[in-house]
């Protein structure tokens, strides 16, 4: 990092295509660089996201995410049922966080050559955000598509996905009104500290 008064302090954050990116320090007392910044990892996996009674998350239409039961083998191979769990790496200069916070990830299905990304709205709702490609860098002020994935304390097969935008909430599921037991909607549910909410446990199963 430059220290001479003739230079603006900054540090390297990453590359995208042929461009280099730096974050410039401000005149804040701490240098203005102690913010969360996440860089896309080369590691990702294609998975089914399952919940209660093997309901599988599927993109329903353009903007709805529902868990649907008893999918046929033909339905299971559809892109709308397969979700990329894209890992992100934290910038080494980010402030310290609890060790059990989990790994930063985004969740997206690829449909018609576009990414349908799970995103949190301002009103604690879950929506679909369409992108041509997943972002290379997610900054502290743009975390609606970022979640912290961690193992549930009593189950090695299930995970909690805590919202980075609304850190008191995690991804979960609620029954869709009027559709019986066949469909569940992806929602944000309050994070409980006293017990595990069964409605927030998501199984991440690799696609075969």
N, C-alpha and C. Protein backbone atom coordinates (compact mmCIF):
# COMPACT_ATOMS: atom_id res chain seq x y z
N UNK A 1 0.84 -1.19 0.00
CA UNK A 1 0.00 0.00 0.00
C UNK A 1 0.88 1.24 0.00
N UNK A 2 0.53 2.24 -0.79
CA UNK A 2 1.32 3.47 -0.86
C UNK A 2 1.15 4.28 0.41
N UNK A 3 2.26 4.88 0.89
CA UNK A 3 2.21 5.67 2.12
C UNK A 3 2.62 7.12 1.90
N UNK A 4 3.23 7.41 0.78
CA UNK A 4 3.66 8.76 0.50
C UNK A 4 2.46 9.67 0.30
N UNK A 5 2.52 10.95 0.75
CA UNK A 5 1.40 11.87 0.54
C UNK A 5 1.15 12.18 -0.93
N UNK A 6 2.11 11.80 -1.79
CA UNK A 6 1.93 12.03 -3.22
C UNK A 6 1.05 10.98 -3.87
N UNK A 7 0.65 9.94 -3.10
CA UNK A 7 -0.14 8.85 -3.66
C UNK A 7 -1.42 8.67 -2.85
N UNK A 8 -2.44 8.14 -3.51
CA UNK A 8 -3.69 7.81 -2.82
C UNK A 8 -3.61 6.37 -2.34
N UNK A 9 -3.74 6.12 -1.03
CA UNK A 9 -3.68 4.73 -0.54
C UNK A 9 -4.78 3.87 -1.15
N UNK A 10 -4.40 2.71 -1.63
CA UNK A 10 -5.38 1.79 -2.20
C UNK A 10 -4.81 0.38 -2.14
N UNK A 11 -5.68 -0.61 -2.36
CA UNK A 11 -5.19 -1.99 -2.40
C UNK A 11 -5.90 -2.75 -3.49
N UNK A 12 -5.23 -3.76 -3.99
CA UNK A 12 -5.72 -4.57 -5.10
C UNK A 12 -6.86 -5.46 -4.63
N UNK A 13 -7.99 -5.50 -5.37
CA UNK A 13 -9.12 -6.34 -4.99
C UNK A 13 -9.36 -7.50 -5.93
N UNK A 14 -8.96 -7.40 -7.19
CA UNK A 14 -9.17 -8.53 -8.09
C UNK A 14 -9.18 -8.09 -9.54
N UNK A 15 -9.42 -9.06 -10.42
CA UNK A 15 -9.48 -8.79 -11.85
C UNK A 15 -10.81 -9.28 -12.40
N UNK A 16 -11.22 -8.68 -13.48
CA UNK A 16 -12.40 -9.13 -14.21
C UNK A 16 -12.13 -8.93 -15.69
N UNK A 17 -12.11 -10.04 -16.41
CA UNK A 17 -11.74 -10.01 -17.82
C UNK A 17 -10.36 -9.37 -17.95
N UNK A 18 -10.23 -8.23 -18.64
CA UNK A 18 -8.93 -7.61 -18.83
C UNK A 18 -8.70 -6.40 -17.93
N UNK A 19 -9.56 -6.25 -16.92
CA UNK A 19 -9.47 -5.07 -16.07
C UNK A 19 -8.97 -5.42 -14.68
N UNK A 20 -8.26 -4.49 -14.05
CA UNK A 20 -7.79 -4.62 -12.68
C UNK A 20 -8.61 -3.70 -11.80
N UNK A 21 -8.92 -4.17 -10.59
CA UNK A 21 -9.74 -3.37 -9.68
C UNK A 21 -9.00 -3.11 -8.38
N UNK A 22 -9.09 -1.85 -7.91
CA UNK A 22 -8.49 -1.45 -6.66
C UNK A 22 -9.54 -0.74 -5.82
N UNK A 23 -9.40 -0.84 -4.51
CA UNK A 23 -10.27 -0.08 -3.61
C UNK A 23 -9.45 1.04 -2.99
N UNK A 24 -9.97 2.26 -3.11
CA UNK A 24 -9.25 3.43 -2.65
C UNK A 24 -9.63 3.75 -1.22
N UNK A 25 -8.63 4.03 -0.39
CA UNK A 25 -8.87 4.39 1.00
C UNK A 25 -9.44 5.79 1.07
N UNK A 26 -10.30 6.01 2.05
CA UNK A 26 -10.86 7.34 2.26
C UNK A 26 -10.08 8.06 3.35
N UNK A 27 -10.56 9.24 3.74
CA UNK A 27 -9.88 9.98 4.79
C UNK A 27 -10.44 9.67 6.17
N UNK A 28 -11.17 8.52 6.29
CA UNK A 28 -11.67 8.09 7.59
C UNK A 28 -10.51 7.71 8.49
N UNK A 29 -10.67 7.77 9.82
CA UNK A 29 -9.58 7.43 10.74
C UNK A 29 -9.02 6.02 10.54
N UNK A 30 -9.89 5.07 10.13
CA UNK A 30 -9.40 3.71 9.94
C UNK A 30 -8.92 3.45 8.54
N UNK A 31 -8.80 4.51 7.75
CA UNK A 31 -8.34 4.34 6.38
C UNK A 31 -9.46 4.10 5.40
N UNK A 32 -10.68 3.82 5.91
CA UNK A 32 -11.82 3.64 5.05
C UNK A 32 -11.81 2.37 4.23
N UNK A 33 -10.99 1.40 4.59
CA UNK A 33 -10.92 0.18 3.79
C UNK A 33 -11.35 -1.05 4.56
N UNK A 34 -11.79 -0.89 5.80
CA UNK A 34 -12.22 -2.03 6.58
C UNK A 34 -13.69 -2.33 6.31
N UNK A 35 -13.99 -2.77 5.11
CA UNK A 35 -15.35 -3.12 4.73
C UNK A 35 -15.37 -4.53 4.16
N UNK A 36 -16.55 -5.14 4.20
CA UNK A 36 -16.68 -6.47 3.61
C UNK A 36 -16.54 -6.38 2.10
N UNK A 37 -15.80 -7.30 1.54
CA UNK A 37 -15.65 -7.37 0.09
C UNK A 37 -15.43 -8.83 -0.27
N UNK A 38 -16.21 -9.34 -1.21
CA UNK A 38 -16.19 -10.76 -1.52
C UNK A 38 -15.83 -10.96 -2.98
N UNK A 39 -14.92 -11.90 -3.23
CA UNK A 39 -14.43 -12.17 -4.57
C UNK A 39 -14.85 -13.57 -5.00
N UNK A 40 -15.37 -13.67 -6.20
CA UNK A 40 -15.86 -14.94 -6.72
C UNK A 40 -14.76 -15.98 -6.74
N UNK A 41 -15.06 -17.15 -6.20
CA UNK A 41 -14.10 -18.25 -6.20
C UNK A 41 -14.27 -19.07 -7.47
N UNK A 42 -13.21 -19.78 -7.84
CA UNK A 42 -13.32 -20.67 -8.98
C UNK A 42 -14.10 -21.93 -8.64
N UNK A 43 -14.39 -22.12 -7.36
CA UNK A 43 -15.10 -23.31 -6.89
C UNK A 43 -16.60 -23.07 -6.89
N UNK A 44 -17.33 -23.98 -7.50
CA UNK A 44 -18.78 -23.96 -7.46
C UNK A 44 -19.27 -25.39 -7.67
N UNK A 45 -20.54 -25.64 -7.38
CA UNK A 45 -21.09 -26.97 -7.59
C UNK A 45 -22.53 -26.85 -8.02
N UNK A 46 -23.03 -27.88 -8.70
CA UNK A 46 -24.40 -27.92 -9.17
C UNK A 46 -25.17 -28.87 -8.27
N UNK A 47 -26.27 -28.37 -7.69
CA UNK A 47 -26.94 -29.14 -6.65
C UNK A 47 -28.45 -29.04 -6.74
N UNK A 48 -29.10 -30.03 -6.10
CA UNK A 48 -30.50 -29.91 -5.78
C UNK A 48 -30.58 -29.37 -4.36
N UNK A 49 -31.45 -28.41 -4.13
CA UNK A 49 -31.68 -27.88 -2.80
C UNK A 49 -33.00 -28.47 -2.30
N UNK A 50 -32.92 -29.30 -1.27
CA UNK A 50 -34.08 -30.05 -0.81
C UNK A 50 -34.43 -29.70 0.63
N UNK A 51 -35.72 -29.81 0.93
CA UNK A 51 -36.18 -29.58 2.29
C UNK A 51 -37.13 -30.70 2.67
N UNK A 52 -38.04 -30.42 3.57
CA UNK A 52 -38.97 -31.39 4.15
C UNK A 52 -39.52 -32.38 3.13
N UNK A 53 -39.40 -33.68 3.46
CA UNK A 53 -39.95 -34.75 2.61
C UNK A 53 -39.44 -34.70 1.18
N UNK A 54 -38.18 -34.30 1.04
CA UNK A 54 -37.50 -34.30 -0.27
C UNK A 54 -38.12 -33.36 -1.29
N UNK A 55 -38.75 -32.29 -0.82
CA UNK A 55 -39.19 -31.24 -1.76
C UNK A 55 -37.94 -30.59 -2.35
N UNK A 56 -37.93 -30.37 -3.66
CA UNK A 56 -36.78 -29.81 -4.36
C UNK A 56 -37.11 -28.40 -4.83
N UNK A 57 -36.17 -27.48 -4.59
CA UNK A 57 -36.37 -26.10 -5.02
C UNK A 57 -36.38 -26.01 -6.54
N UNK A 58 -37.35 -25.27 -7.07
CA UNK A 58 -37.45 -25.10 -8.52
C UNK A 58 -37.85 -23.68 -8.84
N UNK A 59 -37.35 -23.19 -9.96
CA UNK A 59 -37.75 -21.88 -10.45
C UNK A 59 -39.11 -22.02 -11.12
N UNK A 60 -40.13 -21.38 -10.55
CA UNK A 60 -41.49 -21.48 -11.08
C UNK A 60 -41.83 -20.18 -11.79
N UNK A 61 -41.84 -20.22 -13.11
CA UNK A 61 -42.05 -18.99 -13.87
C UNK A 61 -40.80 -18.13 -13.87
N UNK A 62 -40.98 -16.84 -13.99
CA UNK A 62 -39.85 -15.92 -14.09
C UNK A 62 -39.34 -15.44 -12.74
N UNK A 63 -40.20 -15.42 -11.73
CA UNK A 63 -39.80 -14.74 -10.50
C UNK A 63 -40.22 -15.44 -9.21
N UNK A 64 -40.57 -16.72 -9.27
CA UNK A 64 -40.97 -17.43 -8.06
C UNK A 64 -40.09 -18.65 -7.84
N UNK A 65 -39.80 -18.89 -6.58
CA UNK A 65 -39.00 -20.05 -6.18
C UNK A 65 -39.84 -20.90 -5.23
N UNK A 66 -40.09 -22.14 -5.63
CA UNK A 66 -40.92 -23.03 -4.82
C UNK A 66 -40.25 -24.39 -4.66
N UNK A 67 -40.52 -25.03 -3.52
CA UNK A 67 -40.08 -26.40 -3.30
C UNK A 67 -41.22 -27.32 -3.72
N UNK A 68 -40.94 -28.21 -4.66
CA UNK A 68 -41.97 -29.06 -5.23
C UNK A 68 -41.62 -30.52 -4.94
N UNK A 69 -42.60 -31.30 -4.54
CA UNK A 69 -42.35 -32.70 -4.18
C UNK A 69 -42.57 -33.62 -5.38
N UNK A 70 -42.00 -34.82 -5.24
CA UNK A 70 -42.23 -35.90 -6.19
C UNK A 70 -41.96 -35.51 -7.64
N UNK A 71 -40.83 -34.87 -7.86
CA UNK A 71 -40.47 -34.56 -9.24
C UNK A 71 -40.10 -35.83 -9.98
N UNK A 72 -40.54 -35.92 -11.21
CA UNK A 72 -40.17 -37.08 -12.02
C UNK A 72 -38.69 -36.99 -12.39
N UNK A 73 -38.15 -38.09 -12.86
CA UNK A 73 -36.75 -38.10 -13.28
C UNK A 73 -36.53 -37.10 -14.40
N UNK A 74 -37.53 -36.94 -15.27
CA UNK A 74 -37.42 -35.98 -16.36
C UNK A 74 -37.37 -34.55 -15.82
N UNK A 75 -38.18 -34.26 -14.79
CA UNK A 75 -38.18 -32.92 -14.21
C UNK A 75 -36.87 -32.62 -13.51
N UNK A 76 -36.27 -33.63 -12.91
CA UNK A 76 -35.05 -33.41 -12.13
C UNK A 76 -33.87 -32.95 -12.99
N UNK A 77 -33.89 -33.25 -14.26
CA UNK A 77 -32.77 -32.85 -15.12
C UNK A 77 -32.98 -31.45 -15.69
N UNK A 78 -34.13 -30.85 -15.45
CA UNK A 78 -34.38 -29.52 -15.97
C UNK A 78 -33.49 -28.49 -15.27
N UNK A 79 -32.97 -27.51 -16.01
CA UNK A 79 -32.11 -26.49 -15.39
C UNK A 79 -32.77 -25.75 -14.24
N UNK A 80 -34.09 -25.57 -14.29
CA UNK A 80 -34.78 -24.81 -13.26
C UNK A 80 -34.77 -25.49 -11.90
N UNK A 81 -34.34 -26.76 -11.86
CA UNK A 81 -34.28 -27.51 -10.61
C UNK A 81 -32.84 -27.69 -10.11
N UNK A 82 -31.88 -27.21 -10.88
CA UNK A 82 -30.47 -27.36 -10.51
C UNK A 82 -29.89 -26.00 -10.17
N UNK A 83 -29.32 -25.90 -8.98
CA UNK A 83 -28.82 -24.62 -8.51
C UNK A 83 -27.31 -24.65 -8.31
N UNK A 84 -26.66 -23.63 -8.84
CA UNK A 84 -25.24 -23.45 -8.60
C UNK A 84 -25.05 -22.87 -7.21
N UNK A 85 -24.20 -23.51 -6.42
CA UNK A 85 -23.78 -22.93 -5.15
C UNK A 85 -22.40 -22.34 -5.40
N UNK A 86 -22.37 -21.05 -5.67
CA UNK A 86 -21.13 -20.36 -6.03
C UNK A 86 -20.46 -19.80 -4.79
N UNK A 87 -19.24 -20.26 -4.51
CA UNK A 87 -18.49 -19.79 -3.35
C UNK A 87 -17.83 -18.44 -3.64
N UNK A 88 -17.70 -17.64 -2.58
CA UNK A 88 -16.97 -16.38 -2.65
C UNK A 88 -15.91 -16.36 -1.55
N UNK A 89 -14.80 -15.71 -1.84
CA UNK A 89 -13.73 -15.55 -0.86
C UNK A 89 -13.80 -14.16 -0.25
N UNK A 90 -13.57 -14.08 1.06
CA UNK A 90 -13.57 -12.78 1.70
C UNK A 90 -12.24 -12.08 1.50
N UNK A 91 -12.29 -10.77 1.35
CA UNK A 91 -11.08 -9.97 1.27
C UNK A 91 -10.33 -10.10 2.60
N UNK A 92 -9.03 -10.32 2.59
CA UNK A 92 -8.27 -10.44 3.85
C UNK A 92 -8.39 -9.22 4.76
N UNK A 93 -8.73 -8.06 4.20
CA UNK A 93 -8.81 -6.84 5.01
C UNK A 93 -10.20 -6.58 5.58
N UNK A 94 -11.13 -7.54 5.44
CA UNK A 94 -12.45 -7.34 6.01
C UNK A 94 -12.38 -7.40 7.53
N UNK A 95 -13.31 -6.73 8.22
CA UNK A 95 -13.29 -6.77 9.69
C UNK A 95 -13.48 -8.18 10.20
N UNK A 96 -13.05 -8.46 11.45
CA UNK A 96 -13.23 -9.80 12.00
C UNK A 96 -14.71 -10.15 12.19
N UNK A 97 -15.03 -11.40 11.94
CA UNK A 97 -16.40 -11.88 12.09
C UNK A 97 -16.38 -13.18 12.88
N UNK A 98 -17.52 -13.60 13.44
CA UNK A 98 -17.57 -14.88 14.15
C UNK A 98 -17.12 -16.04 13.28
N UNK A 99 -16.38 -16.97 13.87
CA UNK A 99 -15.85 -18.09 13.09
C UNK A 99 -16.95 -18.96 12.50
N UNK A 100 -18.12 -18.98 13.16
CA UNK A 100 -19.20 -19.84 12.69
C UNK A 100 -20.15 -19.13 11.74
N UNK A 101 -19.74 -17.97 11.20
CA UNK A 101 -20.63 -17.22 10.32
C UNK A 101 -20.96 -18.01 9.07
N UNK A 102 -20.03 -18.80 8.56
CA UNK A 102 -20.29 -19.60 7.36
C UNK A 102 -19.59 -19.05 6.14
N UNK A 103 -19.64 -19.81 5.06
CA UNK A 103 -18.97 -19.46 3.81
C UNK A 103 -19.88 -18.60 2.95
N UNK A 104 -19.41 -17.47 2.42
CA UNK A 104 -20.23 -16.63 1.55
C UNK A 104 -20.52 -17.35 0.23
N UNK A 105 -21.80 -17.39 -0.15
CA UNK A 105 -22.21 -18.05 -1.39
C UNK A 105 -23.34 -17.27 -2.05
N UNK A 106 -23.52 -17.52 -3.34
CA UNK A 106 -24.74 -17.14 -4.03
C UNK A 106 -25.38 -18.41 -4.57
N UNK A 107 -26.69 -18.35 -4.78
CA UNK A 107 -27.46 -19.49 -5.29
C UNK A 107 -28.13 -19.07 -6.58
N UNK A 108 -27.90 -19.85 -7.65
CA UNK A 108 -28.44 -19.44 -8.95
C UNK A 108 -28.73 -20.65 -9.82
N UNK A 109 -29.80 -20.55 -10.60
CA UNK A 109 -30.10 -21.54 -11.64
C UNK A 109 -29.81 -20.88 -12.99
N UNK A 110 -29.34 -21.68 -13.94
CA UNK A 110 -29.07 -21.15 -15.28
C UNK A 110 -30.20 -21.60 -16.20
N UNK A 111 -30.97 -20.65 -16.69
CA UNK A 111 -32.11 -20.93 -17.56
C UNK A 111 -32.02 -20.01 -18.78
N UNK A 112 -32.04 -20.63 -19.96
CA UNK A 112 -31.96 -19.86 -21.22
C UNK A 112 -30.74 -18.94 -21.23
N UNK A 113 -29.61 -19.48 -20.80
CA UNK A 113 -28.32 -18.76 -20.80
C UNK A 113 -28.30 -17.53 -19.91
N UNK A 114 -29.20 -17.48 -18.94
CA UNK A 114 -29.20 -16.41 -17.96
C UNK A 114 -29.20 -17.00 -16.55
N UNK A 115 -28.58 -16.25 -15.65
CA UNK A 115 -28.53 -16.68 -14.25
C UNK A 115 -29.75 -16.14 -13.51
N UNK A 116 -30.50 -17.03 -12.89
CA UNK A 116 -31.63 -16.67 -12.05
C UNK A 116 -31.16 -16.79 -10.60
N UNK A 117 -30.85 -15.65 -9.99
CA UNK A 117 -30.15 -15.61 -8.71
C UNK A 117 -31.12 -15.37 -7.57
N UNK A 118 -30.97 -16.14 -6.49
CA UNK A 118 -31.77 -15.94 -5.29
C UNK A 118 -31.34 -14.62 -4.64
N UNK A 119 -32.31 -13.73 -4.39
CA UNK A 119 -31.99 -12.40 -3.90
C UNK A 119 -32.98 -12.00 -2.80
N UNK A 120 -32.50 -11.19 -1.86
CA UNK A 120 -33.34 -10.70 -0.76
C UNK A 120 -33.82 -9.29 -1.08
N UNK A 121 -35.12 -9.06 -0.90
CA UNK A 121 -35.67 -7.74 -1.13
C UNK A 121 -35.59 -6.86 0.10
N UNK A 122 -36.00 -5.61 -0.04
CA UNK A 122 -35.96 -4.66 1.06
C UNK A 122 -36.96 -5.00 2.16
N UNK A 123 -38.02 -5.71 1.80
CA UNK A 123 -39.08 -6.03 2.76
C UNK A 123 -38.97 -7.47 3.26
N UNK A 124 -37.75 -7.97 3.34
CA UNK A 124 -37.48 -9.31 3.87
C UNK A 124 -38.16 -10.40 3.04
N UNK A 125 -38.30 -10.15 1.75
CA UNK A 125 -38.86 -11.16 0.86
C UNK A 125 -37.74 -11.75 0.01
N UNK A 126 -38.03 -12.87 -0.64
CA UNK A 126 -37.07 -13.52 -1.52
C UNK A 126 -37.57 -13.39 -2.95
N UNK A 127 -36.70 -12.96 -3.83
CA UNK A 127 -37.08 -12.76 -5.22
C UNK A 127 -36.01 -13.34 -6.13
N UNK A 128 -36.29 -13.31 -7.42
CA UNK A 128 -35.35 -13.79 -8.43
C UNK A 128 -34.74 -12.59 -9.15
N UNK A 129 -33.43 -12.55 -9.18
CA UNK A 129 -32.72 -11.49 -9.90
C UNK A 129 -32.03 -12.09 -11.12
N UNK A 130 -32.32 -11.56 -12.29
CA UNK A 130 -31.77 -12.09 -13.53
C UNK A 130 -30.46 -11.40 -13.88
N UNK A 131 -29.42 -12.20 -14.17
CA UNK A 131 -28.10 -11.67 -14.52
C UNK A 131 -27.56 -12.41 -15.74
N UNK A 132 -26.76 -11.71 -16.53
CA UNK A 132 -26.08 -12.35 -17.66
C UNK A 132 -24.91 -13.21 -17.18
N UNK A 133 -24.31 -12.80 -16.05
CA UNK A 133 -23.25 -13.58 -15.43
C UNK A 133 -23.20 -13.24 -13.95
N UNK A 134 -22.65 -14.13 -13.17
CA UNK A 134 -22.53 -13.88 -11.74
C UNK A 134 -21.46 -12.83 -11.49
N UNK A 135 -21.65 -11.97 -10.49
CA UNK A 135 -20.67 -10.92 -10.23
C UNK A 135 -19.32 -11.49 -9.79
N UNK A 136 -18.26 -10.81 -10.17
CA UNK A 136 -16.92 -11.21 -9.75
C UNK A 136 -16.63 -10.71 -8.34
N UNK A 137 -17.19 -9.55 -7.99
CA UNK A 137 -16.96 -8.95 -6.68
C UNK A 137 -18.30 -8.49 -6.11
N UNK A 138 -18.55 -8.79 -4.84
CA UNK A 138 -19.72 -8.30 -4.14
C UNK A 138 -19.23 -7.41 -3.00
N UNK A 139 -19.61 -6.14 -3.05
CA UNK A 139 -19.18 -5.20 -2.03
C UNK A 139 -20.16 -5.15 -0.87
N UNK A 140 -19.74 -4.46 0.16
CA UNK A 140 -20.51 -4.39 1.39
C UNK A 140 -21.89 -3.80 1.19
N UNK A 141 -22.04 -2.90 0.23
CA UNK A 141 -23.32 -2.24 0.02
C UNK A 141 -24.18 -2.91 -1.04
N UNK A 142 -23.82 -4.10 -1.47
CA UNK A 142 -24.58 -4.81 -2.50
C UNK A 142 -24.60 -6.30 -2.17
N UNK A 143 -25.28 -6.64 -1.06
CA UNK A 143 -25.20 -8.01 -0.55
C UNK A 143 -26.52 -8.76 -0.64
N UNK A 144 -27.47 -8.28 -1.43
CA UNK A 144 -28.79 -8.91 -1.47
C UNK A 144 -28.73 -10.33 -2.02
N UNK A 145 -27.71 -10.65 -2.81
CA UNK A 145 -27.60 -12.00 -3.38
C UNK A 145 -26.60 -12.87 -2.63
N UNK A 146 -26.11 -12.41 -1.49
CA UNK A 146 -25.08 -13.14 -0.75
C UNK A 146 -25.67 -13.77 0.51
N UNK A 147 -25.26 -15.02 0.77
CA UNK A 147 -25.70 -15.75 1.96
C UNK A 147 -24.50 -16.41 2.60
N UNK A 148 -24.58 -16.60 3.92
CA UNK A 148 -23.53 -17.32 4.64
C UNK A 148 -24.02 -18.74 4.90
N UNK A 149 -23.36 -19.70 4.25
CA UNK A 149 -23.77 -21.10 4.32
C UNK A 149 -22.97 -21.80 5.42
N UNK A 150 -23.69 -22.40 6.36
CA UNK A 150 -23.01 -23.14 7.42
C UNK A 150 -23.81 -24.38 7.79
N UNK A 151 -23.11 -25.39 8.29
CA UNK A 151 -23.76 -26.63 8.68
C UNK A 151 -24.66 -26.40 9.88
N UNK A 152 -25.81 -27.08 9.87
CA UNK A 152 -26.68 -27.04 11.04
C UNK A 152 -26.01 -27.84 12.16
N UNK A 153 -26.16 -27.39 13.38
CA UNK A 153 -25.39 -27.94 14.49
C UNK A 153 -25.67 -29.42 14.74
N UNK A 154 -26.86 -29.89 14.42
CA UNK A 154 -27.20 -31.27 14.73
C UNK A 154 -27.29 -32.15 13.49
N UNK A 155 -26.92 -31.62 12.33
CA UNK A 155 -27.05 -32.39 11.10
C UNK A 155 -25.93 -32.01 10.14
N UNK A 156 -25.19 -33.02 9.68
CA UNK A 156 -24.11 -32.76 8.73
C UNK A 156 -24.63 -32.66 7.30
N UNK A 157 -25.89 -33.05 7.08
CA UNK A 157 -26.44 -33.05 5.74
C UNK A 157 -27.26 -31.81 5.42
N UNK A 158 -27.54 -31.00 6.43
CA UNK A 158 -28.38 -29.83 6.22
C UNK A 158 -27.61 -28.55 6.56
N UNK A 159 -28.02 -27.47 5.90
CA UNK A 159 -27.32 -26.20 6.05
C UNK A 159 -28.30 -25.08 6.34
N UNK A 160 -27.78 -24.03 6.96
CA UNK A 160 -28.48 -22.77 7.11
C UNK A 160 -27.87 -21.76 6.16
N UNK A 161 -28.71 -20.94 5.54
CA UNK A 161 -28.24 -19.90 4.63
C UNK A 161 -28.67 -18.56 5.22
N UNK A 162 -27.75 -17.91 5.93
CA UNK A 162 -28.06 -16.65 6.59
C UNK A 162 -27.89 -15.50 5.60
N UNK A 163 -28.86 -14.61 5.55
CA UNK A 163 -28.82 -13.49 4.62
C UNK A 163 -27.74 -12.49 5.03
N UNK A 164 -26.91 -12.07 4.08
CA UNK A 164 -25.91 -11.04 4.35
C UNK A 164 -26.55 -9.67 4.40
N UNK A 165 -27.67 -9.50 3.70
CA UNK A 165 -28.36 -8.22 3.69
C UNK A 165 -29.24 -8.03 4.93
N UNK A 166 -29.81 -9.12 5.43
CA UNK A 166 -30.66 -9.10 6.63
C UNK A 166 -30.14 -10.19 7.57
N UNK A 167 -29.12 -9.86 8.35
CA UNK A 167 -28.40 -10.91 9.08
C UNK A 167 -29.18 -11.56 10.21
N UNK A 168 -30.38 -11.07 10.50
CA UNK A 168 -31.21 -11.73 11.51
C UNK A 168 -32.17 -12.74 10.87
N UNK A 169 -31.98 -13.00 9.57
CA UNK A 169 -32.88 -13.90 8.84
C UNK A 169 -32.08 -14.94 8.06
N UNK A 170 -32.72 -16.09 7.84
CA UNK A 170 -32.12 -17.17 7.04
C UNK A 170 -33.14 -17.63 6.01
N UNK A 171 -32.65 -18.27 4.95
CA UNK A 171 -33.56 -18.86 3.97
C UNK A 171 -34.33 -20.00 4.62
N UNK A 172 -35.59 -20.11 4.27
CA UNK A 172 -36.43 -21.18 4.78
C UNK A 172 -37.60 -21.40 3.85
N UNK A 173 -38.60 -22.07 4.33
CA UNK A 173 -39.74 -22.35 3.47
C UNK A 173 -41.04 -22.26 4.26
N UNK A 174 -42.07 -21.76 3.58
CA UNK A 174 -43.43 -21.71 4.10
C UNK A 174 -44.35 -22.37 3.09
N UNK A 175 -45.42 -22.94 3.57
CA UNK A 175 -46.38 -23.57 2.69
C UNK A 175 -47.10 -22.52 1.85
N UNK A 176 -47.31 -22.84 0.57
CA UNK A 176 -48.01 -21.95 -0.33
C UNK A 176 -49.51 -22.05 -0.04
N UNK A 177 -50.17 -20.95 0.29
CA UNK A 177 -51.61 -21.00 0.61
C UNK A 177 -52.43 -21.57 -0.55
N UNK A 178 -53.36 -22.47 -0.22
CA UNK A 178 -54.27 -23.00 -1.22
C UNK A 178 -53.72 -24.12 -2.06
N UNK A 179 -52.48 -24.54 -1.82
CA UNK A 179 -51.89 -25.60 -2.65
C UNK A 179 -51.60 -26.86 -1.85
N UNK A 180 -52.22 -26.99 -0.70
CA UNK A 180 -52.06 -28.21 0.09
C UNK A 180 -50.64 -28.42 0.54
N UNK A 181 -50.24 -29.70 0.59
CA UNK A 181 -48.90 -30.05 1.05
C UNK A 181 -47.91 -30.20 -0.09
N UNK A 182 -48.33 -29.88 -1.31
CA UNK A 182 -47.49 -30.21 -2.46
C UNK A 182 -46.42 -29.17 -2.75
N UNK A 183 -46.61 -27.91 -2.29
CA UNK A 183 -45.64 -26.88 -2.63
C UNK A 183 -45.30 -26.01 -1.43
N UNK A 184 -44.03 -25.62 -1.38
CA UNK A 184 -43.55 -24.72 -0.35
C UNK A 184 -42.79 -23.59 -1.03
N UNK A 185 -42.90 -22.40 -0.48
CA UNK A 185 -42.26 -21.23 -1.06
C UNK A 185 -40.98 -20.88 -0.32
N UNK A 186 -39.95 -20.47 -1.07
CA UNK A 186 -38.70 -20.03 -0.45
C UNK A 186 -38.91 -18.64 0.15
N UNK A 187 -38.58 -18.49 1.43
CA UNK A 187 -38.81 -17.24 2.14
C UNK A 187 -37.63 -16.96 3.07
N UNK A 188 -37.64 -15.79 3.69
CA UNK A 188 -36.72 -15.49 4.78
C UNK A 188 -37.46 -15.71 6.10
N UNK A 189 -36.82 -16.44 7.01
CA UNK A 189 -37.40 -16.68 8.32
C UNK A 189 -36.44 -16.14 9.39
N UNK A 190 -36.97 -15.68 10.52
CA UNK A 190 -36.11 -15.17 11.58
C UNK A 190 -35.13 -16.23 12.06
N UNK A 191 -33.90 -15.83 12.29
CA UNK A 191 -32.87 -16.73 12.80
C UNK A 191 -33.07 -16.93 14.30
N UNK A 192 -33.21 -18.16 14.72
CA UNK A 192 -33.40 -18.46 16.13
C UNK A 192 -32.06 -18.77 16.78
N UNK A 193 -31.89 -18.27 17.98
CA UNK A 193 -30.64 -18.54 18.71
C UNK A 193 -30.83 -19.62 19.76
N UNK A 194 -32.09 -19.88 20.14
CA UNK A 194 -32.34 -20.84 21.21
C UNK A 194 -32.52 -22.25 20.71
N UNK A 195 -33.00 -22.43 19.47
CA UNK A 195 -33.22 -23.76 18.93
C UNK A 195 -33.15 -23.70 17.41
N UNK A 196 -33.01 -24.88 16.80
CA UNK A 196 -32.94 -24.95 15.34
C UNK A 196 -34.35 -24.97 14.77
N UNK A 197 -34.61 -24.09 13.84
CA UNK A 197 -35.90 -24.03 13.15
C UNK A 197 -35.88 -25.03 12.01
N UNK A 198 -36.71 -26.07 12.10
CA UNK A 198 -36.75 -27.10 11.06
C UNK A 198 -37.13 -26.52 9.71
N UNK A 199 -37.81 -25.39 9.70
CA UNK A 199 -38.21 -24.76 8.46
C UNK A 199 -37.09 -24.01 7.76
N UNK A 200 -35.90 -24.06 8.33
CA UNK A 200 -34.74 -23.36 7.74
C UNK A 200 -33.62 -24.32 7.35
N UNK A 201 -33.84 -25.61 7.50
CA UNK A 201 -32.80 -26.59 7.18
C UNK A 201 -32.91 -26.98 5.71
N UNK A 202 -31.84 -26.77 4.96
CA UNK A 202 -31.82 -27.06 3.54
C UNK A 202 -30.72 -28.08 3.25
N UNK A 203 -31.11 -29.14 2.57
CA UNK A 203 -30.16 -30.19 2.17
C UNK A 203 -29.57 -29.82 0.81
N UNK A 204 -28.25 -29.82 0.72
CA UNK A 204 -27.55 -29.51 -0.53
C UNK A 204 -27.03 -30.83 -1.10
N UNK A 205 -27.72 -31.34 -2.12
CA UNK A 205 -27.40 -32.65 -2.69
C UNK A 205 -26.81 -32.49 -4.07
N UNK A 206 -25.57 -32.96 -4.29
CA UNK A 206 -24.98 -32.85 -5.63
C UNK A 206 -25.82 -33.54 -6.69
N UNK A 207 -25.98 -32.90 -7.84
CA UNK A 207 -26.70 -33.50 -8.95
C UNK A 207 -25.88 -34.65 -9.53
N UNK A 208 -26.54 -35.73 -9.83
CA UNK A 208 -25.84 -36.90 -10.37
C UNK A 208 -25.98 -36.95 -11.88
